[in-house]
Amino acid sequence: KAVMLSVIGSEPLENGMNIVGSHIDSPRLDIKQNPVYEAGGTTLLKTHYYGGVKKYQWVALPLALYGVIVKANGEKVEIAVGDKCGDPVFYISDLLPHLAKDQMSKTMSEGVEGESLNILIGSLPVDDTEASDRFKTALLAVLNERYGITEEDFVSAELEAVPAGAARDVGFDRGLIVAHGHDDRVCSYASLAALLSIEKPARTTVGLYVDKEEVGSIGATGMHSQFFNNMVGEMIALMNGGNCSDLAIRRALAHSTLLSADVAAAFDPNYPSVGDNANFAAIGQGIAMVKYTGSRGKSGANDAAAELVGKVRKLFNDHGVVYQTSELGKVDQGGGGTIAYIMANYDMDVIDAGVAMLSMHAPWEIVSKADVYMTSRAYHEFFVNYR
């Protein structure tokens, strides 16, 4: 769930690292621990949405299920259903417009409630007409036959529902890509591609791919945990005959620079009123450099120093990297955050820089191929040439 990859440089680690930090979790629907029930001649799974979603976007949509189930004996069963050719898909029903008078009078945030995001997973009963829970029993029998699991095993499962289907080109010119989870796997991909192209850097390069950003970067796999500085300590010890002091770790972190590789909101021609066009990223115009995030007076923001912005800007200009600057919409329109402010707590210089996208946090998100390419180039130049 959290990965740190590094190419060790020729300089001492205490001189600092060039770090690109992204997250690999995305908004989704998590399956509850006691999820299976039957109603209306169907079998369903209860869910709890993960991250900042518009709940109404997740109904009437083919879904796939991914995750793991740990059985009572400790055996782990991997689940991946809905994306292969011939797989069934899953579905959350929506209310027909003929009966939606009350629903349509509600606000968009209330029209579909979280507790109603129940996934249809079966519709056939057992043959015994006298049996109770005929539909649920039949479905559990299918799961037991296929995966060897029982209903109780859902207690120790981590399953998530995501939109079913592969990434696709968008437009007659095929210049865009639509897929689930671009936020933030598109930046993670760009970072990984850049890191794998490096052989012998001067400064140590680090790719961070962390979990739980969409829910506050909490937990053992989120950026608020100690895994990163623990790993830095392990690296220092490895390079120094097993010796590592707390001061050495703090020096390595404080002398480092990080690009917070998270997506930026792009100007949407269907919703032009939410942004300041002079300070709003556009699709296809290069990597988006975001000096600060936050909301309502920059609350919760990492505000990158002018000196850092100048150095990154010069780096990009010197190496032909196409970039743009951006903010997250108009002042007081909303806001958001990344892992940038967390990493800045290590005293390192941090700035956000990533791919601009349309329909952020929707089940399907859109990015530009040109931006993905340029973002990977930007990360490569940062890894190799930033000082």
Protein backbone atom coordinates (compact mmCIF):
# COMPACT_ATOMS: atom_id res chain seq x y z
CA LYS A 1 0.00 0.00 0.00
CA ALA A 2 2.99 2.29 0.47
CA VAL A 3 6.16 1.97 -1.56
CA MET A 4 9.49 3.79 -1.49
CA LEU A 5 11.87 3.27 -4.41
CA SER A 6 15.33 4.79 -4.58
CA VAL A 7 18.36 5.04 -6.82
CA ILE A 8 21.31 5.67 -4.50
CA GLY A 9 23.48 8.57 -5.58
CA SER A 10 27.22 9.14 -5.32
CA GLU A 11 26.86 11.90 -2.73
CA PRO A 12 26.27 11.20 0.99
CA LEU A 13 22.61 10.87 1.88
CA GLU A 14 22.98 13.64 4.46
CA ASN A 15 23.44 16.02 1.50
CA GLY A 16 19.78 15.48 0.73
CA MET A 17 17.60 13.64 -1.75
CA ASN A 18 15.55 14.58 -4.80
CA ILE A 19 12.12 13.16 -3.99
CA VAL A 20 8.94 12.86 -6.05
CA GLY A 21 6.02 11.94 -3.78
CA SER A 22 2.65 10.74 -5.06
CA HIS A 23 -0.24 8.68 -3.73
CA ILE A 24 -1.71 5.49 -5.15
CA ASP A 25 -5.10 5.46 -3.43
CA SER A 26 -8.15 6.84 -5.25
CA PRO A 27 -11.81 7.53 -4.43
CA ARG A 28 -13.82 4.32 -4.47
CA LEU A 29 -16.50 2.32 -2.65
CA ASP A 30 -15.22 0.07 0.15
CA ILE A 31 -17.21 -3.01 1.14
CA LYS A 32 -18.41 -3.09 4.77
CA GLN A 33 -17.36 -5.89 7.13
CA ASN A 34 -20.85 -7.38 7.38
CA PRO A 35 -22.07 -6.50 3.90
CA VAL A 36 -24.21 -9.28 2.45
CA TYR A 37 -28.00 -9.06 2.56
CA GLU A 38 -31.00 -9.80 0.37
CA ALA A 39 -33.95 -7.64 -0.59
CA GLY A 40 -36.47 -7.54 -3.42
CA GLY A 41 -35.32 -10.77 -5.01
CA THR A 42 -31.67 -9.73 -5.14
CA THR A 43 -28.47 -10.08 -3.12
CA LEU A 44 -26.48 -6.95 -2.35
CA LEU A 45 -23.30 -5.69 -0.68
CA LYS A 46 -23.28 -2.72 1.68
CA THR A 47 -20.55 -0.14 1.03
CA HIS A 48 -18.84 2.82 2.67
CA TYR A 49 -17.47 5.35 0.20
CA TYR A 50 -13.79 6.25 0.44
CA GLY A 51 -12.56 9.78 -0.20
CA GLY A 52 -14.31 12.84 -1.53
CA VAL A 53 -16.89 11.51 -3.97
CA LYS A 54 -20.07 12.87 -5.49
CA LYS A 55 -22.30 9.99 -4.47
CA TYR A 56 -24.74 10.43 -7.34
CA GLN A 57 -21.96 9.64 -9.84
CA TRP A 58 -21.64 6.06 -8.59
CA VAL A 59 -25.13 4.79 -9.43
CA ALA A 60 -26.21 3.13 -12.70
CA LEU A 61 -22.58 2.31 -13.45
CA PRO A 62 -20.93 -1.06 -14.17
CA LEU A 63 -18.55 -1.84 -11.32
CA ALA A 64 -15.65 -4.22 -10.70
CA LEU A 65 -14.56 -5.70 -7.37
CA TYR A 66 -10.93 -5.87 -6.24
CA GLY A 67 -9.22 -6.75 -2.98
CA VAL A 68 -8.29 -9.52 -0.60
CA ILE A 69 -10.15 -11.78 1.81
CA VAL A 70 -8.25 -13.39 4.70
CA LYS A 71 -9.95 -16.63 5.70
CA ALA A 72 -10.25 -17.99 9.23
CA ASN A 73 -7.20 -20.21 8.67
CA GLY A 74 -5.07 -17.23 7.60
CA GLU A 75 -5.15 -18.00 3.89
CA LYS A 76 -5.38 -14.89 1.71
CA VAL A 77 -7.68 -14.93 -1.31
CA GLU A 78 -7.28 -12.29 -4.00
CA ILE A 79 -10.41 -10.99 -5.71
CA ALA A 80 -10.47 -9.32 -9.14
CA VAL A 81 -13.80 -9.53 -10.94
CA GLY A 82 -15.33 -7.24 -13.54
CA ASP A 83 -12.56 -6.17 -15.90
CA LYS A 84 -11.62 -9.32 -17.80
CA CYS A 85 -13.46 -10.27 -20.97
CA GLY A 86 -16.39 -12.47 -19.95
CA ASP A 87 -16.41 -11.33 -16.31
CA PRO A 88 -19.69 -10.29 -14.72
CA VAL A 89 -19.94 -6.73 -13.48
CA PHE A 90 -21.74 -5.28 -10.46
CA TYR A 91 -24.20 -2.41 -10.23
CA ILE A 92 -25.88 0.14 -7.98
CA SER A 93 -29.43 0.84 -9.13
CA ASP A 94 -30.84 4.34 -9.47
CA LEU A 95 -34.40 5.57 -9.01
CA LEU A 96 -36.41 5.83 -12.20
CA PRO A 97 -37.39 9.41 -13.15
CA HIS A 98 -41.09 8.47 -13.07
CA LEU A 99 -40.88 8.05 -9.28
CA ALA A 100 -38.12 10.55 -8.50
CA LYS A 101 -40.24 13.58 -7.55
CA ASP A 102 -38.94 13.69 -3.97
CA GLN A 103 -35.38 12.79 -4.93
CA MET A 104 -35.21 15.51 -7.59
CA SER A 105 -36.27 18.16 -5.08
CA LYS A 106 -33.20 17.45 -2.92
CA THR A 107 -29.76 19.00 -3.30
CA MET A 108 -27.24 17.05 -5.37
CA SER A 109 -25.34 16.08 -2.22
CA GLU A 110 -28.50 14.59 -0.70
CA GLY A 111 -30.12 13.02 -3.76
CA VAL A 112 -28.17 9.79 -3.32
CA GLU A 113 -27.32 8.89 0.27
CA GLY A 114 -24.23 6.97 1.30
CA GLU A 115 -26.27 4.20 2.90
CA SER A 116 -28.10 3.60 -0.39
CA LEU A 117 -24.91 2.80 -2.31
CA ASN A 118 -25.58 -0.92 -2.11
CA ILE A 119 -24.13 -3.08 -4.87
CA LEU A 120 -26.21 -5.67 -6.71
CA ILE A 121 -24.22 -8.92 -6.80
CA GLY A 122 -26.80 -11.67 -7.34
CA SER A 123 -30.41 -12.50 -8.19
CA LEU A 124 -30.85 -16.29 -8.12
CA PRO A 125 -32.31 -18.16 -5.09
CA VAL A 126 -31.72 -21.67 -3.79
CA ASP A 127 -34.25 -24.23 -4.97
CA ASP A 128 -35.74 -24.82 -1.51
CA THR A 129 -38.77 -22.51 -1.41
CA GLU A 130 -39.09 -23.00 2.35
CA ALA A 131 -35.54 -21.82 3.11
CA SER A 132 -34.92 -18.43 4.67
CA ASP A 133 -32.68 -15.89 2.91
CA ARG A 134 -32.90 -17.92 -0.31
CA PHE A 135 -31.06 -15.35 -2.44
CA LYS A 136 -28.31 -14.61 0.06
CA THR A 137 -27.78 -18.32 0.72
CA ALA A 138 -27.45 -19.04 -2.99
CA LEU A 139 -24.93 -16.24 -3.49
CA LEU A 140 -22.83 -17.31 -0.50
CA ALA A 141 -22.76 -20.84 -1.92
CA VAL A 142 -21.36 -19.48 -5.19
CA LEU A 143 -18.65 -17.58 -3.31
CA ASN A 144 -17.79 -20.65 -1.24
CA GLU A 145 -17.50 -22.83 -4.32
CA ARG A 146 -15.42 -20.30 -6.24
CA TYR A 147 -13.20 -18.86 -3.51
CA GLY A 148 -13.61 -21.17 -0.51
CA ILE A 149 -14.91 -18.35 1.69
CA THR A 150 -17.79 -18.04 4.13
CA GLU A 151 -19.88 -15.06 5.15
CA GLU A 152 -17.79 -14.60 8.30
CA ASP A 153 -14.66 -14.14 6.18
CA PHE A 154 -15.91 -10.72 5.06
CA VAL A 155 -14.96 -9.50 8.54
CA SER A 156 -11.28 -9.82 7.58
CA ALA A 157 -11.59 -8.61 4.00
CA GLU A 158 -10.56 -5.47 2.18
CA LEU A 159 -12.69 -5.19 -0.93
CA GLU A 160 -13.35 -2.16 -3.06
CA ALA A 161 -15.70 -1.41 -5.94
CA VAL A 162 -14.37 0.66 -8.83
CA PRO A 163 -15.74 1.45 -12.29
CA ALA A 164 -15.44 -1.54 -14.60
CA GLY A 165 -13.57 -1.08 -17.85
CA ALA A 166 -10.18 -0.27 -19.29
CA ALA A 167 -8.62 3.13 -19.89
CA ARG A 168 -9.69 4.57 -23.27
CA ASP A 169 -8.55 7.23 -25.69
CA VAL A 170 -10.83 10.26 -25.85
CA GLY A 171 -11.58 12.34 -28.94
CA PHE A 172 -11.23 11.79 -32.68
CA ASP A 173 -7.58 12.85 -32.32
CA ARG A 174 -7.02 10.48 -29.35
CA GLY A 175 -5.23 13.21 -27.42
CA LEU A 176 -6.82 12.44 -24.03
CA ILE A 177 -7.15 9.40 -21.77
CA VAL A 178 -10.18 8.55 -19.65
CA ALA A 179 -9.72 6.10 -16.77
CA HIS A 180 -10.54 5.52 -13.14
CA GLY A 181 -7.92 6.58 -10.61
CA HIS A 182 -5.87 9.10 -12.60
CA ASP A 183 -5.83 10.91 -9.23
CA ASP A 184 -3.14 10.12 -8.41
CA ARG A 185 -1.91 7.10 -10.31
CA VAL A 186 -1.16 9.17 -13.39
CA CYS A 187 1.50 11.09 -11.44
CA SER A 188 2.67 7.86 -9.81
CA TYR A 189 3.15 6.36 -13.27
CA ALA A 190 5.03 9.42 -14.50
CA SER A 191 7.27 9.33 -11.43
CA LEU A 192 7.98 5.61 -11.74
CA ALA A 193 8.79 5.89 -15.45
CA ALA A 194 11.21 8.72 -14.68
CA LEU A 195 12.84 6.88 -11.77
CA LEU A 196 13.39 3.70 -13.78
CA SER A 197 15.26 5.65 -16.45
CA ILE A 198 17.98 6.77 -13.99
CA GLU A 199 21.27 4.90 -13.55
CA LYS A 200 23.93 6.81 -11.56
CA PRO A 201 22.66 10.08 -10.11
CA ALA A 202 24.74 12.40 -7.97
CA ARG A 203 22.00 13.00 -5.40
CA THR A 204 19.97 10.04 -4.23
CA THR A 205 16.58 9.94 -5.96
CA VAL A 206 13.43 8.71 -4.25
CA GLY A 207 9.99 7.84 -5.57
CA LEU A 208 7.30 7.78 -2.89
CA TYR A 209 3.98 6.05 -3.59
CA VAL A 210 1.79 6.34 -0.51
CA ASP A 211 -1.68 5.40 0.67
CA LYS A 212 -4.58 7.13 2.42
CA GLU A 213 -4.03 10.60 0.91
CA GLU A 214 -7.71 10.81 -0.02
CA VAL A 215 -8.72 10.45 3.63
CA GLY A 216 -6.10 12.58 5.34
CA SER A 217 -2.84 10.62 4.88
CA ILE A 218 -3.47 8.78 8.14
CA GLY A 219 -2.61 5.25 9.26
CA ALA A 220 0.52 3.14 8.95
CA THR A 221 0.63 3.51 5.17
CA GLY A 222 -0.22 7.22 5.00
CA MET A 223 2.28 10.06 4.87
CA HIS A 224 1.67 10.98 8.52
CA SER A 225 3.24 7.67 9.58
CA GLN A 226 6.93 7.13 10.34
CA PHE A 227 7.67 4.72 7.51
CA PHE A 228 9.47 7.30 5.35
CA ASN A 229 11.94 8.56 7.92
CA ASN A 230 12.44 4.97 9.11
CA MET A 231 13.37 4.00 5.56
CA VAL A 232 15.74 6.94 5.28
CA GLY A 233 17.40 5.75 8.49
CA GLU A 234 17.72 2.24 7.07
CA MET A 235 19.35 3.63 3.93
CA ILE A 236 21.85 5.69 5.93
CA ALA A 237 22.70 2.64 8.05
CA LEU A 238 23.16 0.53 4.93
CA MET A 239 25.63 3.07 3.54
CA ASN A 240 27.50 3.52 6.84
CA GLY A 241 28.24 0.05 8.10
CA GLY A 242 25.03 -0.22 10.10
CA ASN A 243 25.44 3.11 11.87
CA CYS A 244 22.80 5.83 11.77
CA SER A 245 22.08 8.70 14.13
CA ASP A 246 18.89 10.69 14.53
CA LEU A 247 20.81 13.78 13.48
CA ALA A 248 21.88 12.10 10.23
CA ILE A 249 18.25 11.33 9.40
CA ARG A 250 17.16 14.88 10.15
CA ARG A 251 19.99 16.30 8.06
CA ALA A 252 19.11 14.08 5.11
CA LEU A 253 15.46 15.14 5.28
CA ALA A 254 16.12 18.84 5.82
CA HIS A 255 18.55 18.99 2.89
CA SER A 256 16.08 17.27 0.54
CA THR A 257 13.66 18.75 -1.98
CA LEU A 258 10.33 17.20 -2.89
CA LEU A 259 7.95 17.57 -5.80
CA SER A 260 4.52 16.71 -4.44
CA ALA A 261 3.30 14.80 -7.47
CA ASP A 262 -0.44 15.25 -7.28
CA VAL A 263 -2.96 16.18 -9.94
CA ALA A 264 -4.22 19.72 -10.48
CA ALA A 265 -7.69 20.86 -11.48
CA ALA A 266 -7.87 21.94 -15.12
CA PHE A 267 -10.10 24.61 -16.62
CA ASP A 268 -13.41 23.00 -17.58
CA PRO A 269 -15.23 24.78 -20.43
CA ASN A 270 -18.55 23.46 -19.10
CA TYR A 271 -17.93 25.11 -15.71
CA PRO A 272 -15.87 28.25 -16.42
CA SER A 273 -17.13 30.27 -13.45
CA VAL A 274 -15.25 28.38 -10.70
CA GLY A 275 -11.74 29.40 -11.69
CA ASP A 276 -9.55 32.43 -12.20
CA ASN A 277 -8.51 31.79 -15.79
CA ALA A 278 -5.20 33.61 -15.39
CA ASN A 279 -4.28 31.21 -12.57
CA PHE A 280 -5.90 27.99 -13.71
CA ALA A 281 -4.20 25.05 -15.44
CA ALA A 282 -5.37 24.00 -18.89
CA ILE A 283 -5.40 20.56 -20.46
CA GLY A 284 -2.45 19.96 -22.78
CA GLN A 285 -0.29 22.84 -21.56
CA GLY A 286 2.34 20.90 -19.63
CA ILE A 287 2.99 19.97 -16.01
CA ALA A 288 1.05 22.16 -13.56
CA MET A 289 3.19 23.81 -10.88
CA VAL A 290 1.09 24.77 -7.84
CA LYS A 291 2.79 27.10 -5.36
CA TYR A 292 0.11 26.64 -2.72
CA THR A 293 -3.09 24.69 -2.13
CA GLY A 294 -5.34 24.98 0.94
CA SER A 295 -8.62 26.86 1.10
CA ARG A 296 -10.18 30.06 2.40
CA GLY A 297 -7.09 32.09 3.14
CA LYS A 298 -4.64 29.29 2.22
CA SER A 299 -5.69 27.33 5.31
CA GLY A 300 -3.80 24.04 5.48
CA ALA A 301 -1.51 24.99 2.61
CA ASN A 302 2.12 24.40 1.91
CA ASP A 303 3.18 27.71 0.37
CA ALA A 304 6.40 27.09 -1.55
CA ALA A 305 9.15 29.69 -1.14
CA ALA A 306 9.83 32.01 -4.06
CA GLU A 307 13.43 30.79 -4.14
CA LEU A 308 12.27 27.20 -4.63
CA VAL A 309 9.78 28.18 -7.32
CA GLY A 310 12.56 30.07 -9.08
CA LYS A 311 14.94 27.10 -9.00
CA VAL A 312 12.32 24.66 -10.29
CA ARG A 313 11.25 27.13 -12.96
CA LYS A 314 14.86 27.54 -14.11
CA LEU A 315 15.34 23.78 -14.15
CA PHE A 316 12.31 23.31 -16.38
CA ASN A 317 13.27 26.18 -18.68
CA ASP A 318 16.86 24.97 -19.03
CA HIS A 319 15.76 21.47 -20.03
CA GLY A 320 12.82 22.24 -22.29
CA VAL A 321 10.09 21.15 -19.90
CA VAL A 322 6.74 22.75 -20.75
CA TYR A 323 5.04 23.89 -17.54
CA GLN A 324 2.20 26.09 -16.36
CA THR A 325 1.18 27.51 -12.99
CA SER A 326 -2.14 26.92 -11.30
CA GLU A 327 -4.32 27.37 -8.25
CA LEU A 328 -7.32 25.33 -7.16
CA GLY A 329 -10.11 27.57 -8.39
CA LYS A 330 -11.26 31.00 -7.32
CA VAL A 331 -10.59 32.35 -3.85
CA ASP A 332 -13.28 31.03 -1.45
CA GLN A 333 -14.70 28.73 -4.15
CA GLY A 334 -13.39 25.63 -2.40
CA GLY A 335 -9.95 24.14 -1.99
CA GLY A 336 -7.98 21.05 -1.18
CA GLY A 337 -4.61 19.69 -0.18
CA THR A 338 -1.86 17.16 -0.89
CA ILE A 339 0.99 15.54 1.02
CA ALA A 340 3.08 18.71 0.50
CA TYR A 341 2.44 20.24 3.93
CA ILE A 342 3.29 16.96 5.66
CA MET A 343 6.63 16.65 3.91
CA ALA A 344 7.44 20.30 4.63
CA ASN A 345 7.34 19.41 8.33
CA TYR A 346 10.69 17.67 7.77
CA ASP A 347 12.13 21.13 6.94
CA MET A 348 12.57 20.18 3.29
CA ASP A 349 11.61 22.42 0.36
CA VAL A 350 8.33 21.27 -1.21
CA ILE A 351 6.22 22.33 -4.18
CA ASP A 352 3.24 20.67 -5.87
CA ALA A 353 3.72 19.71 -9.52
CA GLY A 354 1.56 17.27 -11.46
CA VAL A 355 -0.85 16.53 -14.29
CA ALA A 356 -3.89 18.77 -14.81
CA MET A 357 -7.15 16.86 -15.16
CA LEU A 358 -10.86 17.13 -15.83
CA SER A 359 -13.56 15.49 -13.67
CA MET A 360 -11.29 14.99 -10.66
CA HIS A 361 -12.69 12.43 -8.17
CA ALA A 362 -15.34 11.28 -10.66
CA PRO A 363 -15.50 7.54 -11.41
CA TRP A 364 -13.86 8.36 -14.75
CA GLU A 365 -11.24 11.13 -15.00
CA ILE A 366 -9.57 12.71 -18.04
CA VAL A 367 -5.94 13.70 -18.64
CA SER A 368 -3.92 14.77 -21.67
CA LYS A 369 -1.33 12.40 -23.13
CA ALA A 370 0.94 15.38 -23.76
CA ASP A 371 0.72 16.39 -20.10
CA VAL A 372 1.53 12.86 -18.91
CA TYR A 373 4.60 12.78 -21.14
CA MET A 374 5.76 16.23 -20.08
CA THR A 375 5.18 15.44 -16.40
CA SER A 376 7.37 12.35 -16.63
CA ARG A 377 10.05 14.43 -18.35
CA ALA A 378 9.80 17.04 -15.61
CA TYR A 379 10.26 14.40 -12.91
CA HIS A 380 13.25 12.94 -14.75
CA GLU A 381 14.98 16.32 -15.01
CA PHE A 382 14.25 16.98 -11.34
CA PHE A 383 15.66 13.61 -10.29
CA VAL A 384 18.85 14.00 -12.31
CA ASN A 385 19.62 17.71 -12.49
CA TYR A 386 18.08 19.50 -9.51
CA ARG A 387 20.63 20.91 -7.04
